[in-house]
Amino acid sequence: MKSKVHEKGYRNRPLTDEQKTSNIKKSKIRARVEHVFSFMEQSTKGLVLKSLGIVRATGIIGLINLTFNLFRYEQIKRLKIIT
């Protein structure tokens, strides 16, 4: 398994260039994932589902994901990232 935890520099022992690039790669992935969860947290008043059964909970999660994808698509079109 590969560690996905950032490496830390200490006094009189700064990070090497290899460690810095490794931290940058990890940050790019982490930021993208955390933005998705923060959107869900803020737009649905938390990630707590109140439903009966796994089927309904799965449906609700699917609708939340669809909502995120629609908002993200609109944002990408507005910023003209894709045409």
PDB file of N, CA and C in Angstrom:
ATOM      1  N   MET A   1       0.838  -1.174   0.000  1.00  0.00           N
ATOM      2  CA  MET A   1       0.000   0.000   0.000  1.00  0.00           C
ATOM      3  C   MET A   1       0.883   1.237   0.000  1.00  0.00           C
ATOM      4  N   LYS A   2       0.380   2.272  -0.643  1.00  0.00           N
ATOM      5  CA  LYS A   2       1.090   3.539  -0.665  1.00  0.00           C
ATOM      6  C   LYS A   2       0.467   4.479   0.353  1.00  0.00           C
ATOM      7  N   SER A   3       1.305   5.217   1.032  1.00  0.00           N
ATOM      8  CA  SER A   3       0.818   6.182   2.012  1.00  0.00           C
ATOM      9  C   SER A   3       0.273   7.408   1.286  1.00  0.00           C
ATOM     10  N   LYS A   4      -0.913   7.850   1.686  1.00  0.00           N
ATOM     11  CA  LYS A   4      -1.525   9.047   1.108  1.00  0.00           C
ATOM     12  C   LYS A   4      -1.443  10.232   2.069  1.00  0.00           C
ATOM     13  N   VAL A   5      -0.602  10.119   3.098  1.00  0.00           N
ATOM     14  CA  VAL A   5      -0.453  11.163   4.105  1.00  0.00           C
ATOM     15  C   VAL A   5       0.711  12.061   3.695  1.00  0.00           C
ATOM     16  N   HIS A   6       0.532  13.360   3.866  1.00  0.00           N
ATOM     17  CA  HIS A   6       1.601  14.296   3.548  1.00  0.00           C
ATOM     18  C   HIS A   6       2.807  14.080   4.459  1.00  0.00           C
ATOM     19  N   GLU A   7       3.956  14.316   3.882  1.00  0.00           N
ATOM     20  CA  GLU A   7       5.174  14.241   4.684  1.00  0.00           C
ATOM     21  C   GLU A   7       5.450  15.612   5.272  1.00  0.00           C
ATOM     22  N   LYS A   8       6.094  15.623   6.415  1.00  0.00           N
ATOM     23  CA  LYS A   8       6.295  16.860   7.158  1.00  0.00           C
ATOM     24  C   LYS A   8       7.779  17.127   7.328  1.00  0.00           C
ATOM     25  N   GLY A   9       8.145  18.391   7.157  1.00  0.00           N
ATOM     26  CA  GLY A   9       9.524  18.785   7.420  1.00  0.00           C
ATOM     27  C   GLY A   9       9.682  19.179   8.877  1.00  0.00           C
ATOM     28  N   TYR A  10      10.877  19.014   9.374  1.00  0.00           N
ATOM     29  CA  TYR A  10      11.165  19.368  10.764  1.00  0.00           C
ATOM     30  C   TYR A  10      12.286  20.391  10.804  1.00  0.00           C
ATOM     31  N   ARG A  11      12.510  20.946  11.976  1.00  0.00           N
ATOM     32  CA  ARG A  11      13.565  21.937  12.126  1.00  0.00           C
ATOM     33  C   ARG A  11      14.910  21.316  11.750  1.00  0.00           C
ATOM     34  N   ASN A  12      15.681  22.046  10.976  1.00  0.00           N
ATOM     35  CA  ASN A  12      16.997  21.615  10.486  1.00  0.00           C
ATOM     36  C   ASN A  12      16.914  20.372   9.610  1.00  0.00           C
ATOM     37  N   ARG A  13      15.726  20.012   9.172  1.00  0.00           N
ATOM     38  CA  ARG A  13      15.564  18.893   8.250  1.00  0.00           C
ATOM     39  C   ARG A  13      14.359  19.184   7.335  1.00  0.00           C
ATOM     40  N   PRO A  14      14.541  20.092   6.377  1.00  0.00           N
ATOM     41  CA  PRO A  14      13.418  20.444   5.497  1.00  0.00           C
ATOM     42  C   PRO A  14      13.088  19.302   4.536  1.00  0.00           C
ATOM     43  N   LEU A  15      11.943  19.447   3.883  1.00  0.00           N
ATOM     44  CA  LEU A  15      11.528  18.438   2.912  1.00  0.00           C
ATOM     45  C   LEU A  15      12.450  18.457   1.694  1.00  0.00           C
ATOM     46  N   THR A  16      12.672  17.283   1.127  1.00  0.00           N
ATOM     47  CA  THR A  16      13.438  17.206  -0.111  1.00  0.00           C
ATOM     48  C   THR A  16      12.515  17.589  -1.272  1.00  0.00           C
ATOM     49  N   ASP A  17      13.097  17.828  -2.442  1.00  0.00           N
ATOM     50  CA  ASP A  17      12.288  18.171  -3.612  1.00  0.00           C
ATOM     51  C   ASP A  17      11.344  17.038  -3.982  1.00  0.00           C
ATOM     52  N   GLU A  18      11.779  15.808  -3.817  1.00  0.00           N
ATOM     53  CA  GLU A  18      10.931  14.646  -4.108  1.00  0.00           C
ATOM     54  C   GLU A  18       9.729  14.605  -3.169  1.00  0.00           C
ATOM     55  N   GLN A  19       9.942  14.909  -1.893  1.00  0.00           N
ATOM     56  CA  GLN A  19       8.852  14.935  -0.923  1.00  0.00           C
ATOM     57  C   GLN A  19       7.871  16.069  -1.239  1.00  0.00           C
ATOM     58  N   LYS A  20       8.404  17.213  -1.667  1.00  0.00           N
ATOM     59  CA  LYS A  20       7.530  18.341  -2.004  1.00  0.00           C
ATOM     60  C   LYS A  20       6.633  18.006  -3.189  1.00  0.00           C
ATOM     61  N   THR A  21       7.197  17.396  -4.235  1.00  0.00           N
ATOM     62  CA  THR A  21       6.375  17.034  -5.390  1.00  0.00           C
ATOM     63  C   THR A  21       5.354  15.958  -5.015  1.00  0.00           C
ATOM     64  N   SER A  22       5.733  15.053  -4.132  1.00  0.00           N
ATOM     65  CA  SER A  22       4.797  14.025  -3.663  1.00  0.00           C
ATOM     66  C   SER A  22       3.632  14.672  -2.920  1.00  0.00           C
ATOM     67  N   ASN A  23       3.917  15.651  -2.072  1.00  0.00           N
ATOM     68  CA  ASN A  23       2.866  16.351  -1.333  1.00  0.00           C
ATOM     69  C   ASN A  23       1.939  17.118  -2.279  1.00  0.00           C
ATOM     70  N   ILE A  24       2.498  17.694  -3.342  1.00  0.00           N
ATOM     71  CA  ILE A  24       1.693  18.448  -4.304  1.00  0.00           C
ATOM     72  C   ILE A  24       0.718  17.513  -5.018  1.00  0.00           C
ATOM     73  N   LYS A  25       1.202  16.343  -5.431  1.00  0.00           N
ATOM     74  CA  LYS A  25       0.328  15.375  -6.107  1.00  0.00           C
ATOM     75  C   LYS A  25      -0.806  14.939  -5.181  1.00  0.00           C
ATOM     76  N   LYS A  26      -0.477  14.692  -3.924  1.00  0.00           N
ATOM     77  CA  LYS A  26      -1.487  14.272  -2.959  1.00  0.00           C
ATOM     78  C   LYS A  26      -2.504  15.386  -2.718  1.00  0.00           C
ATOM     79  N   SER A  27      -2.046  16.634  -2.697  1.00  0.00           N
ATOM     80  CA  SER A  27      -2.936  17.771  -2.455  1.00  0.00           C
ATOM     81  C   SER A  27      -3.938  17.947  -3.576  1.00  0.00           C
ATOM     82  N   LYS A  28      -3.510  17.727  -4.813  1.00  0.00           N
ATOM     83  CA  LYS A  28      -4.424  17.891  -5.949  1.00  0.00           C
ATOM     84  C   LYS A  28      -5.581  16.910  -5.860  1.00  0.00           C
ATOM     85  N   ILE A  29      -5.295  15.680  -5.511  1.00  0.00           N
ATOM     86  CA  ILE A  29      -6.343  14.671  -5.382  1.00  0.00           C
ATOM     87  C   ILE A  29      -7.237  14.990  -4.195  1.00  0.00           C
ATOM     88  N   ARG A  30      -6.632  15.318  -3.077  1.00  0.00           N
ATOM     89  CA  ARG A  30      -7.388  15.589  -1.855  1.00  0.00           C
ATOM     90  C   ARG A  30      -8.313  16.782  -2.024  1.00  0.00           C
ATOM     91  N   ALA A  31      -7.840  17.839  -2.666  1.00  0.00           N
ATOM     92  CA  ALA A  31      -8.659  19.040  -2.833  1.00  0.00           C
ATOM     93  C   ALA A  31      -9.891  18.739  -3.677  1.00  0.00           C
ATOM     94  N   ARG A  32      -9.725  17.961  -4.738  1.00  0.00           N
ATOM     95  CA  ARG A  32     -10.860  17.643  -5.605  1.00  0.00           C
ATOM     96  C   ARG A  32     -11.912  16.833  -4.855  1.00  0.00           C
ATOM     97  N   VAL A  33     -11.479  15.879  -4.058  1.00  0.00           N
ATOM     98  CA  VAL A  33     -12.412  15.043  -3.301  1.00  0.00           C
ATOM     99  C   VAL A  33     -13.084  15.855  -2.197  1.00  0.00           C
ATOM    100  N   GLU A  34     -12.327  16.687  -1.510  1.00  0.00           N
ATOM    101  CA  GLU A  34     -12.900  17.462  -0.406  1.00  0.00           C
ATOM    102  C   GLU A  34     -13.901  18.495  -0.905  1.00  0.00           C
ATOM    103  N   HIS A  35     -13.707  19.035  -2.114  1.00  0.00           N
ATOM    104  CA  HIS A  35     -14.674  19.987  -2.648  1.00  0.00           C
ATOM    105  C   HIS A  35     -16.026  19.322  -2.882  1.00  0.00           C
ATOM    106  N   VAL A  36     -16.013  18.089  -3.330  1.00  0.00           N
ATOM    107  CA  VAL A  36     -17.262  17.361  -3.547  1.00  0.00           C
ATOM    108  C   VAL A  36     -17.998  17.187  -2.231  1.00  0.00           C
ATOM    109  N   PHE A  37     -17.284  16.737  -1.199  1.00  0.00           N
ATOM    110  CA  PHE A  37     -17.941  16.512   0.083  1.00  0.00           C
ATOM    111  C   PHE A  37     -18.377  17.805   0.746  1.00  0.00           C
ATOM    112  N   SER A  38     -17.623  18.875   0.570  1.00  0.00           N
ATOM    113  CA  SER A  38     -18.045  20.142   1.174  1.00  0.00           C
ATOM    114  C   SER A  38     -19.293  20.674   0.480  1.00  0.00           C
ATOM    115  N   PHE A  39     -19.398  20.479  -0.840  1.00  0.00           N
ATOM    116  CA  PHE A  39     -20.616  20.881  -1.545  1.00  0.00           C
ATOM    117  C   PHE A  39     -21.813  20.117  -0.991  1.00  0.00           C
ATOM    118  N   MET A  40     -21.644  18.811  -0.836  1.00  0.00           N
ATOM    119  CA  MET A  40     -22.747  17.994  -0.327  1.00  0.00           C
ATOM    120  C   MET A  40     -23.119  18.389   1.093  1.00  0.00           C
ATOM    121  N   GLU A  41     -22.123  18.680   1.885  1.00  0.00           N
ATOM    122  CA  GLU A  41     -22.354  19.061   3.282  1.00  0.00           C
ATOM    123  C   GLU A  41     -23.126  20.377   3.361  1.00  0.00           C
ATOM    124  N   GLN A  42     -22.763  21.342   2.525  1.00  0.00           N
ATOM    125  CA  GLN A  42     -23.383  22.662   2.602  1.00  0.00           C
ATOM    126  C   GLN A  42     -24.732  22.729   1.906  1.00  0.00           C
ATOM    127  N   SER A  43     -24.893  22.004   0.813  1.00  0.00           N
ATOM    128  CA  SER A  43     -26.130  22.125   0.057  1.00  0.00           C
ATOM    129  C   SER A  43     -27.252  21.263   0.620  1.00  0.00           C
ATOM    130  N   THR A  44     -26.923  20.193   1.314  1.00  0.00           N
ATOM    131  CA  THR A  44     -27.964  19.308   1.837  1.00  0.00           C
ATOM    132  C   THR A  44     -28.070  19.379   3.353  1.00  0.00           C
ATOM    133  N   LYS A  45     -27.492  20.393   3.941  1.00  0.00           N
ATOM    134  CA  LYS A  45     -27.540  20.587   5.397  1.00  0.00           C
ATOM    135  C   LYS A  45     -26.969  19.380   6.133  1.00  0.00           C
ATOM    136  N   GLY A  46     -25.871  18.883   5.633  1.00  0.00           N
ATOM    137  CA  GLY A  46     -25.220  17.755   6.279  1.00  0.00           C
ATOM    138  C   GLY A  46     -25.389  16.480   5.482  1.00  0.00           C
ATOM    139  N   LEU A  47     -24.546  15.533   5.760  1.00  0.00           N
ATOM    140  CA  LEU A  47     -24.593  14.260   5.053  1.00  0.00           C
ATOM    141  C   LEU A  47     -25.345  13.195   5.841  1.00  0.00           C
ATOM    142  N   VAL A  48     -26.245  13.610   6.696  1.00  0.00           N
ATOM    143  CA  VAL A  48     -27.036  12.669   7.481  1.00  0.00           C
ATOM    144  C   VAL A  48     -28.311  12.380   6.712  1.00  0.00           C
ATOM    145  N   LEU A  49     -28.545  11.123   6.424  1.00  0.00           N
ATOM    146  CA  LEU A  49     -29.743  10.722   5.688  1.00  0.00           C
ATOM    147  C   LEU A  49     -30.771  10.163   6.649  1.00  0.00           C
ATOM    148  N   LYS A  50     -32.000  10.583   6.455  1.00  0.00           N
ATOM    149  CA  LYS A  50     -33.093  10.047   7.268  1.00  0.00           C
ATOM    150  C   LYS A  50     -34.050   9.338   6.324  1.00  0.00           C
ATOM    151  N   SER A  51     -33.803   8.065   6.133  1.00  0.00           N
ATOM    152  CA  SER A  51     -34.669   7.278   5.263  1.00  0.00           C
ATOM    153  C   SER A  51     -34.769   5.866   5.817  1.00  0.00           C
ATOM    154  N   LEU A  52     -35.767   5.166   5.357  1.00  0.00           N
ATOM    155  CA  LEU A  52     -35.954   3.783   5.773  1.00  0.00           C
ATOM    156  C   LEU A  52     -35.429   2.873   4.677  1.00  0.00           C
ATOM    157  N   GLY A  53     -34.414   2.107   4.980  1.00  0.00           N
ATOM    158  CA  GLY A  53     -33.926   1.122   4.031  1.00  0.00           C
ATOM    159  C   GLY A  53     -32.741   1.595   3.213  1.00  0.00           C
ATOM    160  N   ILE A  54     -31.931   0.626   2.805  1.00  0.00           N
ATOM    161  CA  ILE A  54     -30.729   0.906   2.038  1.00  0.00           C
ATOM    162  C   ILE A  54     -31.069   1.346   0.619  1.00  0.00           C
ATOM    163  N   VAL A  55     -32.186   0.862   0.084  1.00  0.00           N
ATOM    164  CA  VAL A  55     -32.568   1.219  -1.284  1.00  0.00           C
ATOM    165  C   VAL A  55     -32.905   2.701  -1.373  1.00  0.00           C
ATOM    166  N   ARG A  56     -33.676   3.195  -0.425  1.00  0.00           N
ATOM    167  CA  ARG A  56     -34.010   4.619  -0.432  1.00  0.00           C
ATOM    168  C   ARG A  56     -32.793   5.478  -0.161  1.00  0.00           C
ATOM    169  N   ALA A  57     -31.933   5.047   0.748  1.00  0.00           N
ATOM    170  CA  ALA A  57     -30.715   5.810   1.038  1.00  0.00           C
ATOM    171  C   ALA A  57     -29.829   5.872  -0.206  1.00  0.00           C
ATOM    172  N   THR A  58     -29.723   4.759  -0.932  1.00  0.00           N
ATOM    173  CA  THR A  58     -28.929   4.737  -2.159  1.00  0.00           C
ATOM    174  C   THR A  58     -29.523   5.687  -3.189  1.00  0.00           C
ATOM    175  N   GLY A  59     -30.838   5.726  -3.286  1.00  0.00           N
ATOM    176  CA  GLY A  59     -31.499   6.644  -4.208  1.00  0.00           C
ATOM    177  C   GLY A  59     -31.239   8.097  -3.858  1.00  0.00           C
ATOM    178  N   ILE A  60     -31.295   8.409  -2.559  1.00  0.00           N
ATOM    179  CA  ILE A  60     -31.051   9.784  -2.112  1.00  0.00           C
ATOM    180  C   ILE A  60     -29.607  10.182  -2.408  1.00  0.00           C
ATOM    181  N   ILE A  61     -28.676   9.293  -2.154  1.00  0.00           N
ATOM    182  CA  ILE A  61     -27.264   9.587  -2.436  1.00  0.00           C
ATOM    183  C   ILE A  61     -27.063   9.801  -3.939  1.00  0.00           C
ATOM    184  N   GLY A  62     -27.742   8.996  -4.750  1.00  0.00           N
ATOM    185  CA  GLY A  62     -27.667   9.169  -6.200  1.00  0.00           C
ATOM    186  C   GLY A  62     -28.175  10.531  -6.638  1.00  0.00           C
ATOM    187  N   LEU A  63     -29.273  10.983  -6.031  1.00  0.00           N
ATOM    188  CA  LEU A  63     -29.803  12.309  -6.367  1.00  0.00           C
ATOM    189  C   LEU A  63     -28.868  13.426  -5.916  1.00  0.00           C
ATOM    190  N   ILE A  64     -28.227  13.258  -4.778  1.00  0.00           N
ATOM    191  CA  ILE A  64     -27.254  14.256  -4.309  1.00  0.00           C
ATOM    192  C   ILE A  64     -26.079  14.321  -5.282  1.00  0.00           C
ATOM    193  N   ASN A  65     -25.610  13.149  -5.734  1.00  0.00           N
ATOM    194  CA  ASN A  65     -24.508  13.121  -6.700  1.00  0.00           C
ATOM    195  C   ASN A  65     -24.919  13.768  -8.023  1.00  0.00           C
ATOM    196  N   LEU A  66     -26.142  13.509  -8.470  1.00  0.00           N
ATOM    197  CA  LEU A  66     -26.639  14.120  -9.697  1.00  0.00           C
ATOM    198  C   LEU A  66     -26.690  15.637  -9.558  1.00  0.00           C
ATOM    199  N   THR A  67     -27.151  16.106  -8.409  1.00  0.00           N
ATOM    200  CA  THR A  67     -27.207  17.544  -8.164  1.00  0.00           C
ATOM    201  C   THR A  67     -25.818  18.160  -8.234  1.00  0.00           C
ATOM    202  N   PHE A  68     -24.840  17.499  -7.615  1.00  0.00           N
ATOM    203  CA  PHE A  68     -23.476  18.018  -7.665  1.00  0.00           C
ATOM    204  C   PHE A  68     -22.980  18.081  -9.101  1.00  0.00           C
ATOM    205  N   ASN A  69     -23.230  17.013  -9.867  1.00  0.00           N
ATOM    206  CA  ASN A  69     -22.763  16.982 -11.248  1.00  0.00           C
ATOM    207  C   ASN A  69     -23.395  18.089 -12.089  1.00  0.00           C
ATOM    208  N   LEU A  70     -24.678  18.371 -11.858  1.00  0.00           N
ATOM    209  CA  LEU A  70     -25.339  19.445 -12.600  1.00  0.00           C
ATOM    210  C   LEU A  70     -24.767  20.809 -12.226  1.00  0.00           C
ATOM    211  N   PHE A  71     -24.547  21.039 -10.935  1.00  0.00           N
ATOM    212  CA  PHE A  71     -23.956  22.307 -10.503  1.00  0.00           C
ATOM    213  C   PHE A  71     -22.542  22.462 -11.061  1.00  0.00           C
ATOM    214  N   ARG A  72     -21.776  21.383 -11.049  1.00  0.00           N
ATOM    215  CA  ARG A  72     -20.405  21.431 -11.560  1.00  0.00           C
ATOM    216  C   ARG A  72     -20.397  21.679 -13.065  1.00  0.00           C
ATOM    217  N   TYR A  73     -21.315  21.047 -13.806  1.00  0.00           N
ATOM    218  CA  TYR A  73     -21.413  21.254 -15.245  1.00  0.00           C
ATOM    219  C   TYR A  73     -21.723  22.712 -15.558  1.00  0.00           C
ATOM    220  N   GLU A  74     -22.680  23.271 -14.816  1.00  0.00           N
ATOM    221  CA  GLU A  74     -23.037  24.681 -15.019  1.00  0.00           C
ATOM    222  C   GLU A  74     -21.852  25.585 -14.739  1.00  0.00           C
ATOM    223  N   GLN A  75     -21.104  25.274 -13.706  1.00  0.00           N
ATOM    224  CA  GLN A  75     -19.941  26.090 -13.358  1.00  0.00           C
ATOM    225  C   GLN A  75     -18.870  26.007 -14.442  1.00  0.00           C
ATOM    226  N   ILE A  76     -18.645  24.818 -14.958  1.00  0.00           N
ATOM    227  CA  ILE A  76     -17.638  24.646 -16.014  1.00  0.00           C
ATOM    228  C   ILE A  76     -18.049  25.393 -17.272  1.00  0.00           C
ATOM    229  N   LYS A  77     -19.346  25.321 -17.638  1.00  0.00           N
ATOM    230  CA  LYS A  77     -19.828  26.046 -18.811  1.00  0.00           C
ATOM    231  C   LYS A  77     -19.721  27.558 -18.602  1.00  0.00           C
ATOM    232  N   ARG A  78     -20.057  28.033 -17.405  1.00  0.00           N
ATOM    233  CA  ARG A  78     -20.017  29.471 -17.127  1.00  0.00           C
ATOM    234  C   ARG A  78     -18.592  29.998 -17.187  1.00  0.00           C
ATOM    235  N   LEU A  79     -17.639  29.222 -16.682  1.00  0.00           N
ATOM    236  CA  LEU A  79     -16.247  29.645 -16.705  1.00  0.00           C
ATOM    237  C   LEU A  79     -15.562  29.356 -18.031  1.00  0.00           C
ATOM    238  N   LYS A  80     -16.300  28.715 -18.948  1.00  0.00           N
ATOM    239  CA  LYS A  80     -15.822  28.408 -20.289  1.00  0.00           C
ATOM    240  C   LYS A  80     -14.567  27.543 -20.262  1.00  0.00           C
ATOM    241  N   ILE A  81     -14.551  26.564 -19.337  1.00  0.00           N
ATOM    242  CA  ILE A  81     -13.456  25.619 -19.284  1.00  0.00           C
ATOM    243  C   ILE A  81     -13.558  24.640 -20.435  1.00  0.00           C
ATOM    244  N   ILE A  82     -14.814  24.254 -20.748  1.00  0.00           N
ATOM    245  CA  ILE A  82     -15.079  23.441 -21.934  1.00  0.00           C
ATOM    246  C   ILE A  82     -16.093  24.163 -22.792  1.00  0.00           C
ATOM    247  N   THR A  83     -16.143  23.813 -24.042  1.00  0.00           N
ATOM    248  CA  THR A  83     -17.091  24.488 -24.914  1.00  0.00           C
ATOM    249  C   THR A  83     -18.242  23.603 -25.280  1.00  0.00           C
TER     250      THR A  83
END
